[in-house]
Amino acid sequence: MPPQDIDRRTLLKLSGLSLVGATAGCLEGEEEPTTTEQSGGGGGDSGGDSGGEETTAESDDSGSGSSSYTIGMVDSLTGSLAPYGERNTRGRELALEAVNEVGIGDGATLEISVEDDESTNQGGVNGAQKLVNQDGVPLLIGSVGSGVSIAIHDSVTNDAGVVQISQNSTSPELTSRPNLNRMSPSGAAKGTALANLVYDDGHENVAVTWINNDYGTGLSDVFAETFESELGGTVSYNEPHDQGQSSYSGILTEMASTDASAWVFITYANEYTVMVNEGFDQGYNTAVDYYGAESTVADSIIENTPEGSMNGMKGITESAPQDQENYQNFVSAFESAYDTTPTVWSAYAYDAVTVAALAIEAADEFTGDALASVVRDVTRPDGEEVFTFEEAAAILKDGGSPSDINYQGVSGPVDLNENGDPPGFYQIYSVENHEYVFGDYITS
């Protein structure tokens, strides 16, 4: 769905001032769960088949002599993560508008070929294989789910020397794959913050259920380690659940059999919606306090659960610098295009596209190896702070090197480290009167 009626000057200003603060809310207006993911991040510096071979920009058929660069994107267009894929589509299209208004090099356009991962690891691998092996893209953005991003890295991009940038994946497991870059921060700091939040609220005994994939495993491990080893609490139940089930009553019954005073749900929007409804039917919501992470913030949850079923719930979610000019410009353009307010997840997708475009502008050639050698440099703090593709491209076109610029994303400072991870901004949220309320910020 392409953006419509967007003020181009607003788009070109989509980065604002410096990002000193913390972050803002995390839910994309009407249909966007602010979820999570499984793993993400990419980037490679090894040679390989298609990603390591030089790919030239293609001339268009307009007769104008301009050219285009095509990169790939694997996104969740169908399946249980599709609401998150929609938010990425919106952020991607806004970033493309801003990049192509300026042009890469002598005016080349950026194009993105998108494949659907169907919200599964195998679907992600299939899509990535088409983009890399058939289309020959040297850079791939994707995906939402952490497990999907990891599967793409392990099976496709790493050996092919293709740069990978996950827009949304948060699992700590991505950090163990240094060639996998990501725009959203690792969930490790979030897991620690969530454990502290629960403990500080007076809960010493908790029950945890987590979705059985890389996202759930990584976040639950950090939570349990912090809660027990560092805080001295007890995790009396710590078990996984499968994705896409019609009922989780057995899980809830087991959690209710413990002495836990708080239940922690590390899962996705669809699964949590089922759990909330079943917990409400059994009266569990009045007996224990609920906690969650970013994936349990979604308008679809509010819309499909009864009032009172989550009152008092709390959690930790990724956030954006709400009070900063660049984020405000992004919000204005987003609201103009889609008549709804974005969340940080769309901002991550926007930044993934912008960083990819800057890498193309900065690289000596359009190959995986060349792009990998500069993709992190354009984000690091040694260079001049720039807040839009236009500002950054002007320095590069004037002979500047990648290390001469420090792109400040609309989602916050990117500053990719040696593991391809950015710093993190988080925010505490709660549910009051069946609405999400966002409170204090946490910086990792």
Protein backbone atom coordinates (compact mmCIF):
# COMPACT_ATOMS: atom_id res chain seq x y z
CA MET A 1 0.00 0.00 0.00
CA PRO A 2 1.86 3.10 -1.17
CA PRO A 3 1.63 6.29 0.82
CA GLN A 4 -0.64 8.97 -0.53
CA ASP A 5 -0.84 12.73 -0.14
CA ILE A 6 2.51 12.99 1.58
CA ASP A 7 4.19 16.36 1.89
CA ARG A 8 7.58 15.72 0.26
CA ARG A 9 9.34 18.41 2.25
CA THR A 10 8.09 16.72 5.39
CA LEU A 11 9.47 13.43 4.15
CA LEU A 12 12.87 14.92 3.46
CA LYS A 13 12.96 16.36 6.94
CA LEU A 14 12.14 12.99 8.50
CA SER A 15 14.92 12.94 11.01
CA GLY A 16 14.95 16.05 13.11
CA LEU A 17 17.32 16.97 15.88
CA SER A 18 19.64 14.94 18.03
CA LEU A 19 18.27 11.96 19.86
CA VAL A 20 19.23 12.51 23.43
CA GLY A 21 16.06 11.38 25.06
CA ALA A 22 14.42 8.12 25.51
CA THR A 23 11.50 6.73 23.65
CA ALA A 24 7.87 6.90 22.86
CA GLY A 25 4.83 4.73 22.54
CA CYS A 26 4.74 1.46 20.77
CA LEU A 27 1.61 0.68 18.93
CA GLU A 28 0.67 1.57 15.48
CA GLY A 29 -2.68 3.15 15.67
CA GLU A 30 -5.41 0.78 14.72
CA GLU A 31 -4.12 -2.47 13.41
CA GLU A 32 -0.52 -2.70 14.41
CA PRO A 33 0.64 -4.90 17.21
CA THR A 34 3.95 -3.80 18.45
CA THR A 35 5.37 -7.15 18.60
CA THR A 36 8.19 -9.01 18.56
CA GLU A 37 10.12 -10.99 16.88
CA GLN A 38 12.54 -13.54 16.78
CA SER A 39 15.82 -12.43 15.59
CA GLY A 40 17.30 -10.05 13.21
CA GLY A 41 20.26 -8.24 12.02
CA GLY A 42 22.65 -8.85 9.30
CA GLY A 43 25.51 -7.73 7.35
CA GLY A 44 28.26 -9.79 5.94
CA ASP A 45 31.77 -9.39 4.91
CA SER A 46 32.47 -12.74 3.40
CA GLY A 47 32.40 -13.32 -0.32
CA GLY A 48 29.92 -15.68 -1.90
CA ASP A 49 27.71 -16.42 -4.78
CA SER A 50 25.36 -13.69 -5.76
CA GLY A 51 25.97 -11.28 -2.89
CA GLY A 52 29.69 -11.15 -3.50
CA GLU A 53 29.44 -10.55 -7.22
CA GLU A 54 29.30 -7.04 -8.51
CA THR A 55 25.80 -5.94 -9.42
CA THR A 56 25.38 -2.80 -11.44
CA ALA A 57 22.49 -0.41 -11.26
CA GLU A 58 19.95 -1.05 -13.95
CA SER A 59 18.89 1.60 -16.43
CA ASP A 60 15.19 2.25 -16.54
CA ASP A 61 13.06 2.31 -19.66
CA SER A 62 12.03 5.92 -19.42
CA GLY A 63 14.75 7.20 -21.69
CA SER A 64 15.92 9.63 -19.01
CA GLY A 65 19.20 7.83 -18.51
CA SER A 66 18.61 7.38 -14.78
CA SER A 67 19.19 4.03 -13.12
CA SER A 68 18.03 2.06 -10.12
CA TYR A 69 19.42 -0.15 -7.39
CA THR A 70 17.34 -3.10 -6.28
CA ILE A 71 17.61 -4.62 -2.82
CA GLY A 72 15.46 -7.30 -1.22
CA MET A 73 13.11 -7.46 1.72
CA VAL A 74 11.56 -10.48 3.41
CA ASP A 75 8.52 -9.45 5.41
CA SER A 76 5.52 -11.05 7.10
CA LEU A 77 2.68 -10.29 4.70
CA THR A 78 0.55 -13.27 5.73
CA GLY A 79 0.36 -15.49 8.79
CA SER A 80 0.29 -14.59 12.47
CA LEU A 81 2.89 -11.81 12.14
CA ALA A 82 1.12 -10.08 9.24
CA PRO A 83 -0.05 -7.10 11.36
CA TYR A 84 3.61 -6.36 12.00
CA GLY A 85 4.46 -6.73 8.35
CA GLU A 86 1.88 -4.07 7.54
CA ARG A 87 3.57 -1.53 9.77
CA ASN A 88 6.88 -2.32 8.05
CA THR A 89 5.29 -1.75 4.65
CA ARG A 90 4.26 1.73 5.73
CA GLY A 91 7.67 2.64 7.14
CA ARG A 92 9.40 1.21 4.08
CA GLU A 93 7.31 3.23 1.65
CA LEU A 94 7.91 6.48 3.53
CA ALA A 95 11.66 5.88 3.50
CA LEU A 96 11.63 5.08 -0.22
CA GLU A 97 9.84 8.36 -0.90
CA ALA A 98 12.51 10.29 1.00
CA VAL A 99 15.44 8.47 -0.61
CA ASN A 100 14.13 8.67 -4.16
CA GLU A 101 13.28 12.33 -3.84
CA VAL A 102 17.04 12.89 -3.48
CA GLY A 103 18.38 10.00 -5.53
CA ILE A 104 21.46 7.83 -5.06
CA GLY A 105 24.65 8.84 -6.82
CA ASP A 106 23.72 10.75 -9.98
CA GLY A 107 20.01 10.36 -9.36
CA ALA A 108 19.47 6.60 -9.35
CA THR A 109 16.38 5.35 -7.57
CA LEU A 110 16.14 2.68 -4.91
CA GLU A 111 13.77 -0.22 -5.46
CA ILE A 112 12.87 -2.96 -3.00
CA SER A 113 11.74 -6.40 -4.10
CA VAL A 114 9.56 -7.90 -1.34
CA GLU A 115 8.94 -11.56 -0.55
CA ASP A 116 6.47 -12.94 1.99
CA ASP A 117 7.89 -15.15 4.75
CA GLU A 118 4.36 -16.29 5.67
CA SER A 119 5.41 -15.78 9.32
CA THR A 120 7.48 -18.98 9.22
CA ASN A 121 11.18 -19.79 9.19
CA GLN A 122 10.90 -21.87 6.02
CA GLY A 123 8.88 -19.20 4.28
CA GLY A 124 11.58 -16.70 5.13
CA VAL A 125 14.33 -18.95 3.79
CA ASN A 126 12.36 -19.55 0.59
CA GLY A 127 11.85 -15.84 0.04
CA ALA A 128 15.48 -15.03 0.77
CA GLN A 129 16.71 -17.73 -1.59
CA LYS A 130 14.66 -16.24 -4.42
CA LEU A 131 15.94 -12.73 -3.73
CA VAL A 132 19.58 -13.79 -3.40
CA ASN A 133 19.93 -16.70 -5.79
CA GLN A 134 17.53 -15.62 -8.55
CA ASP A 135 17.36 -11.84 -8.25
CA GLY A 136 20.96 -11.39 -7.11
CA VAL A 137 20.33 -8.74 -4.46
CA PRO A 138 23.48 -7.86 -2.45
CA LEU A 139 21.49 -6.52 0.52
CA LEU A 140 18.38 -7.93 2.17
CA ILE A 141 16.13 -6.39 4.82
CA GLY A 142 14.27 -8.83 7.03
CA SER A 143 12.52 -10.03 8.93
CA VAL A 144 9.95 -9.48 11.69
CA GLY A 145 10.35 -12.75 13.56
CA SER A 146 13.71 -13.38 15.18
CA GLY A 147 13.65 -17.04 14.26
CA VAL A 148 12.91 -16.08 10.67
CA SER A 149 15.81 -13.62 10.57
CA ILE A 150 18.18 -16.19 12.07
CA ALA A 151 17.06 -18.85 9.60
CA ILE A 152 17.64 -16.46 6.68
CA HIS A 153 21.11 -15.60 7.99
CA ASP A 154 22.15 -19.18 8.66
CA SER A 155 20.74 -20.67 5.47
CA VAL A 156 21.11 -17.91 2.90
CA THR A 157 22.76 -14.55 3.46
CA ASN A 158 25.83 -15.34 5.55
CA ASP A 159 27.37 -17.85 3.14
CA ALA A 160 26.37 -15.74 0.14
CA GLY A 161 28.08 -12.61 1.44
CA VAL A 162 24.81 -10.68 1.36
CA VAL A 163 24.26 -7.89 3.88
CA GLN A 164 21.23 -8.53 6.08
CA ILE A 165 19.45 -5.90 8.18
CA SER A 166 16.54 -7.00 10.34
CA GLN A 167 14.04 -4.23 10.88
CA ASN A 168 12.22 -5.71 13.89
CA SER A 169 13.87 -8.83 15.36
CA THR A 170 14.79 -8.48 19.03
CA SER A 171 15.98 -11.89 20.26
CA PRO A 172 19.33 -11.84 22.12
CA GLU A 173 20.30 -14.74 19.85
CA LEU A 174 20.98 -12.32 16.99
CA THR A 175 23.93 -10.89 18.89
CA SER A 176 25.74 -14.22 18.49
CA ARG A 177 25.69 -13.67 14.71
CA PRO A 178 27.82 -10.55 14.20
CA ASN A 179 27.10 -10.42 10.46
CA LEU A 180 23.43 -9.93 11.21
CA ASN A 181 22.56 -6.25 11.65
CA ARG A 182 19.32 -4.97 13.12
CA MET A 183 17.55 -1.70 13.74
CA SER A 184 15.61 -2.79 16.86
CA PRO A 185 17.69 -3.36 20.00
CA SER A 186 18.45 -6.72 21.56
CA GLY A 187 15.84 -8.00 23.95
CA ALA A 188 18.50 -8.74 26.57
CA ALA A 189 18.18 -5.31 28.20
CA LYS A 190 14.41 -5.55 27.93
CA GLY A 191 14.36 -8.91 29.72
CA THR A 192 16.41 -7.47 32.56
CA ALA A 193 14.19 -4.40 32.80
CA LEU A 194 11.05 -6.56 32.81
CA ALA A 195 12.41 -8.71 35.65
CA ASN A 196 13.21 -5.62 37.71
CA LEU A 197 9.76 -4.14 37.04
CA VAL A 198 7.98 -7.29 38.26
CA TYR A 199 10.20 -7.64 41.34
CA ASP A 200 9.98 -3.94 42.26
CA ASP A 201 6.19 -4.25 42.16
CA GLY A 202 6.46 -6.67 45.10
CA HIS A 203 6.29 -10.02 43.31
CA GLU A 204 8.80 -12.63 44.50
CA ASN A 205 7.18 -15.67 42.90
CA VAL A 206 6.19 -15.61 39.21
CA ALA A 207 4.96 -17.94 36.50
CA VAL A 208 6.25 -17.46 32.95
CA THR A 209 5.02 -18.83 29.65
CA TRP A 210 6.89 -18.09 26.44
CA ILE A 211 6.33 -18.73 22.78
CA ASN A 212 8.40 -21.68 21.62
CA ASN A 213 10.84 -19.99 19.23
CA ASP A 214 14.04 -17.96 19.32
CA TYR A 215 12.26 -14.84 20.49
CA GLY A 216 10.53 -16.53 23.40
CA THR A 217 13.54 -18.60 24.39
CA GLY A 218 15.97 -15.67 24.38
CA LEU A 219 13.78 -13.24 26.30
CA SER A 220 12.55 -15.77 28.86
CA ASP A 221 16.10 -16.94 29.59
CA VAL A 222 17.22 -13.39 30.35
CA PHE A 223 14.14 -12.73 32.48
CA ALA A 224 14.52 -15.92 34.54
CA GLU A 225 18.27 -15.46 35.05
CA THR A 226 17.79 -11.89 36.25
CA PHE A 227 14.76 -12.62 38.43
CA GLU A 228 16.29 -15.62 40.21
CA SER A 229 20.07 -15.16 40.19
CA GLU A 230 20.28 -11.38 40.52
CA LEU A 231 17.09 -10.47 42.37
CA GLY A 232 16.57 -13.61 44.45
CA GLY A 233 13.04 -14.29 43.28
CA THR A 234 11.44 -17.59 42.30
CA VAL A 235 10.18 -18.60 38.86
CA SER A 236 7.84 -21.41 39.87
CA TYR A 237 6.62 -22.06 36.32
CA ASN A 238 8.66 -21.47 33.17
CA GLU A 239 7.25 -23.35 30.18
CA PRO A 240 6.82 -22.74 26.43
CA HIS A 241 3.67 -22.73 24.35
CA ASP A 242 3.25 -23.29 20.63
CA GLN A 243 2.28 -20.59 18.17
CA GLY A 244 -1.18 -20.47 16.60
CA GLN A 245 -3.15 -22.66 19.02
CA SER A 246 -6.90 -22.18 19.46
CA SER A 247 -6.69 -22.72 23.22
CA TYR A 248 -4.08 -22.34 25.94
CA SER A 249 -6.29 -23.36 28.84
CA GLY A 250 -3.90 -26.16 29.83
CA ILE A 251 -1.02 -23.69 30.17
CA LEU A 252 -3.14 -21.32 32.26
CA THR A 253 -4.33 -24.14 34.51
CA GLU A 254 -0.73 -25.14 35.20
CA MET A 255 0.23 -21.54 35.96
CA ALA A 256 -2.75 -21.25 38.33
CA SER A 257 -1.60 -24.34 40.24
CA THR A 258 1.50 -22.46 41.44
CA ASP A 259 1.81 -19.90 44.21
CA ALA A 260 2.88 -17.22 41.74
CA SER A 261 1.38 -13.78 42.32
CA ALA A 262 2.33 -12.56 38.83
CA TRP A 263 2.12 -14.14 35.38
CA VAL A 264 4.55 -13.11 32.65
CA PHE A 265 3.47 -13.62 29.03
CA ILE A 266 6.28 -13.61 26.46
CA THR A 267 4.27 -14.22 23.32
CA TYR A 268 2.63 -12.65 20.28
CA ALA A 269 -0.59 -10.69 19.95
CA ASN A 270 -2.79 -13.50 18.61
CA GLU A 271 -1.66 -15.99 21.23
CA TYR A 272 -1.96 -13.49 24.05
CA THR A 273 -5.48 -12.56 22.95
CA VAL A 274 -6.56 -16.19 23.36
CA MET A 275 -4.88 -16.38 26.78
CA VAL A 276 -6.50 -13.17 28.00
CA ASN A 277 -9.97 -14.33 26.99
CA GLU A 278 -9.53 -17.73 28.61
CA GLY A 279 -8.03 -16.18 31.73
CA PHE A 280 -10.97 -13.80 31.96
CA ASP A 281 -13.44 -16.66 31.65
CA GLN A 282 -11.72 -18.45 34.55
CA GLY A 283 -11.29 -15.33 36.68
CA TYR A 284 -7.50 -15.55 36.70
CA ASN A 285 -7.11 -11.87 35.83
CA THR A 286 -8.38 -10.85 39.27
CA ALA A 287 -6.25 -13.38 41.15
CA VAL A 288 -2.81 -12.51 39.70
CA ASP A 289 -1.09 -9.58 38.01
CA TYR A 290 -0.25 -9.81 34.30
CA TYR A 291 3.03 -8.67 32.72
CA GLY A 292 4.31 -8.71 29.16
CA ALA A 293 6.77 -7.32 26.66
CA GLU A 294 6.40 -5.50 23.35
CA SER A 295 4.44 -8.26 21.62
CA THR A 296 1.58 -7.94 24.05
CA VAL A 297 0.97 -4.34 23.00
CA ALA A 298 -1.44 -4.30 20.06
CA ASP A 299 -4.71 -2.66 19.17
CA SER A 300 -5.94 -6.06 18.01
CA ILE A 301 -5.59 -7.33 21.60
CA ILE A 302 -7.66 -4.47 22.98
CA GLU A 303 -10.27 -4.90 20.25
CA ASN A 304 -10.66 -8.65 20.76
CA THR A 305 -10.72 -8.90 24.55
CA PRO A 306 -13.42 -7.75 27.00
CA GLU A 307 -13.08 -4.62 29.10
CA GLY A 308 -11.57 -5.37 32.47
CA SER A 309 -9.75 -8.47 31.28
CA MET A 310 -6.30 -6.83 31.46
CA ASN A 311 -6.69 -3.93 33.86
CA GLY A 312 -3.44 -3.30 35.71
CA MET A 313 -1.30 -5.24 33.28
CA LYS A 314 2.25 -3.85 32.89
CA GLY A 315 5.18 -4.40 30.60
CA ILE A 316 8.30 -3.15 28.88
CA THR A 317 8.35 -2.20 25.20
CA GLU A 318 10.77 -0.70 22.73
CA SER A 319 10.16 2.97 22.11
CA ALA A 320 11.24 5.97 20.08
CA PRO A 321 12.36 9.54 20.95
CA GLN A 322 8.88 11.00 21.01
CA ASP A 323 10.03 14.46 22.00
CA GLN A 324 12.65 14.76 19.25
CA GLU A 325 12.07 16.69 16.03
CA ASN A 326 13.09 13.90 13.68
CA TYR A 327 10.61 11.47 15.20
CA GLN A 328 7.91 14.14 15.22
CA ASN A 329 8.50 14.77 11.51
CA PHE A 330 8.21 11.04 10.89
CA VAL A 331 4.95 10.92 12.82
CA SER A 332 3.55 13.86 10.85
CA ALA A 333 4.36 12.24 7.51
CA PHE A 334 2.99 8.89 8.68
CA GLU A 335 -0.26 10.38 9.92
CA SER A 336 -0.64 12.36 6.70
CA ALA A 337 -0.18 9.21 4.63
CA TYR A 338 -2.12 6.69 6.70
CA ASP A 339 -4.39 8.67 9.03
CA THR A 340 -3.04 6.81 12.05
CA THR A 341 -0.15 7.25 14.45
CA PRO A 342 2.97 5.09 13.94
CA THR A 343 4.85 3.10 16.51
CA VAL A 344 8.57 2.62 16.85
CA TRP A 345 8.34 -0.55 14.76
CA SER A 346 7.49 1.38 11.61
CA ALA A 347 10.35 3.71 12.50
CA TYR A 348 12.73 0.74 12.60
CA ALA A 349 11.63 -0.26 9.09
CA TYR A 350 12.13 3.33 7.93
CA ASP A 351 15.65 3.38 9.34
CA ALA A 352 16.52 -0.01 7.84
CA VAL A 353 15.75 1.32 4.36
CA THR A 354 17.61 4.58 4.98
CA VAL A 355 20.73 2.85 6.29
CA ALA A 356 20.65 0.52 3.28
CA ALA A 357 20.44 3.50 0.92
CA LEU A 358 23.33 5.24 2.69
CA ALA A 359 25.44 2.11 2.38
CA ILE A 360 24.78 2.04 -1.37
CA GLU A 361 25.67 5.73 -1.61
CA ALA A 362 28.88 5.19 0.36
CA ALA A 363 30.10 1.89 -1.13
CA ASP A 364 32.60 1.68 -4.00
CA GLU A 365 30.41 -0.85 -5.78
CA PHE A 366 27.02 -2.49 -5.45
CA THR A 367 28.16 -5.82 -3.99
CA GLY A 368 27.65 -7.58 -0.70
CA ASP A 369 31.30 -7.19 0.29
CA ALA A 370 31.40 -3.48 -0.53
CA LEU A 371 28.13 -2.75 1.25
CA ALA A 372 29.18 -4.77 4.32
CA SER A 373 32.35 -2.70 4.63
CA VAL A 374 30.40 0.57 5.07
CA VAL A 375 26.92 -0.27 6.38
CA ARG A 376 27.87 0.18 10.04
CA ASP A 377 30.25 3.08 9.52
CA VAL A 378 27.45 5.38 8.31
CA THR A 379 25.70 4.96 11.68
CA ARG A 380 28.57 5.38 14.11
CA PRO A 381 29.09 8.34 16.45
CA ASP A 382 32.48 9.48 15.13
CA GLY A 383 30.96 11.23 12.12
CA GLU A 384 28.86 14.36 11.75
CA GLU A 385 25.32 13.90 13.00
CA VAL A 386 22.86 13.78 10.11
CA PHE A 387 19.14 13.34 10.42
CA THR A 388 17.95 12.60 6.88
CA PHE A 389 19.15 10.71 3.85
CA GLU A 390 19.44 14.05 2.08
CA GLU A 391 21.86 15.46 4.67
CA ALA A 392 23.98 12.32 4.72
CA ALA A 393 24.05 11.90 0.95
CA ALA A 394 25.20 15.50 0.51
CA ILE A 395 28.33 14.79 2.57
CA LEU A 396 29.05 11.57 0.71
CA LYS A 397 28.47 13.13 -2.71
CA ASP A 398 30.90 15.88 -1.75
CA GLY A 399 33.69 13.39 -1.24
CA GLY A 400 33.04 12.46 2.37
CA SER A 401 33.74 8.94 3.63
CA PRO A 402 31.28 6.66 5.46
CA SER A 403 32.95 7.49 8.78
CA ASP A 404 32.25 11.19 8.14
CA ILE A 405 28.54 10.72 8.82
CA ASN A 406 26.59 9.52 11.83
CA TYR A 407 23.00 8.81 10.81
CA GLN A 408 20.57 9.54 13.62
CA GLY A 409 17.54 7.39 12.95
CA VAL A 410 13.93 8.37 13.46
CA SER A 411 13.85 5.45 15.95
CA GLY A 412 16.83 6.80 17.89
CA PRO A 413 20.62 6.70 17.44
CA VAL A 414 21.47 3.65 15.36
CA ASP A 415 25.18 3.33 16.26
CA LEU A 416 25.56 -0.31 15.18
CA ASN A 417 28.23 -2.03 17.28
CA GLU A 418 30.56 -4.90 16.40
CA ASN A 419 27.66 -7.35 16.72
CA GLY A 420 25.33 -5.32 14.52
CA ASP A 421 23.23 -4.19 17.51
CA PRO A 422 21.98 -0.63 18.15
CA PRO A 423 21.48 0.87 21.62
CA GLY A 424 18.02 0.46 23.07
CA PHE A 425 15.27 2.74 24.29
CA TYR A 426 12.42 1.19 26.27
CA GLN A 427 9.27 2.39 27.95
CA ILE A 428 7.04 1.05 30.71
CA TYR A 429 3.41 0.60 29.72
CA SER A 430 0.25 -0.41 31.56
CA VAL A 431 -3.38 -1.14 30.72
CA GLU A 432 -5.90 1.20 32.29
CA ASN A 433 -9.60 1.30 31.38
CA HIS A 434 -8.80 -1.13 28.58
CA GLU A 435 -6.30 1.23 26.97
CA TYR A 436 -2.51 1.26 26.83
CA VAL A 437 -0.87 3.99 28.88
CA PHE A 438 2.85 4.71 28.42
CA GLY A 439 5.03 5.92 31.23
CA ASP A 440 8.70 6.08 32.23
CA TYR A 441 11.63 5.52 29.85
CA ILE A 442 14.53 3.14 30.23
CA THR A 443 17.78 3.41 28.26
CA SER A 444 20.15 0.49 27.74
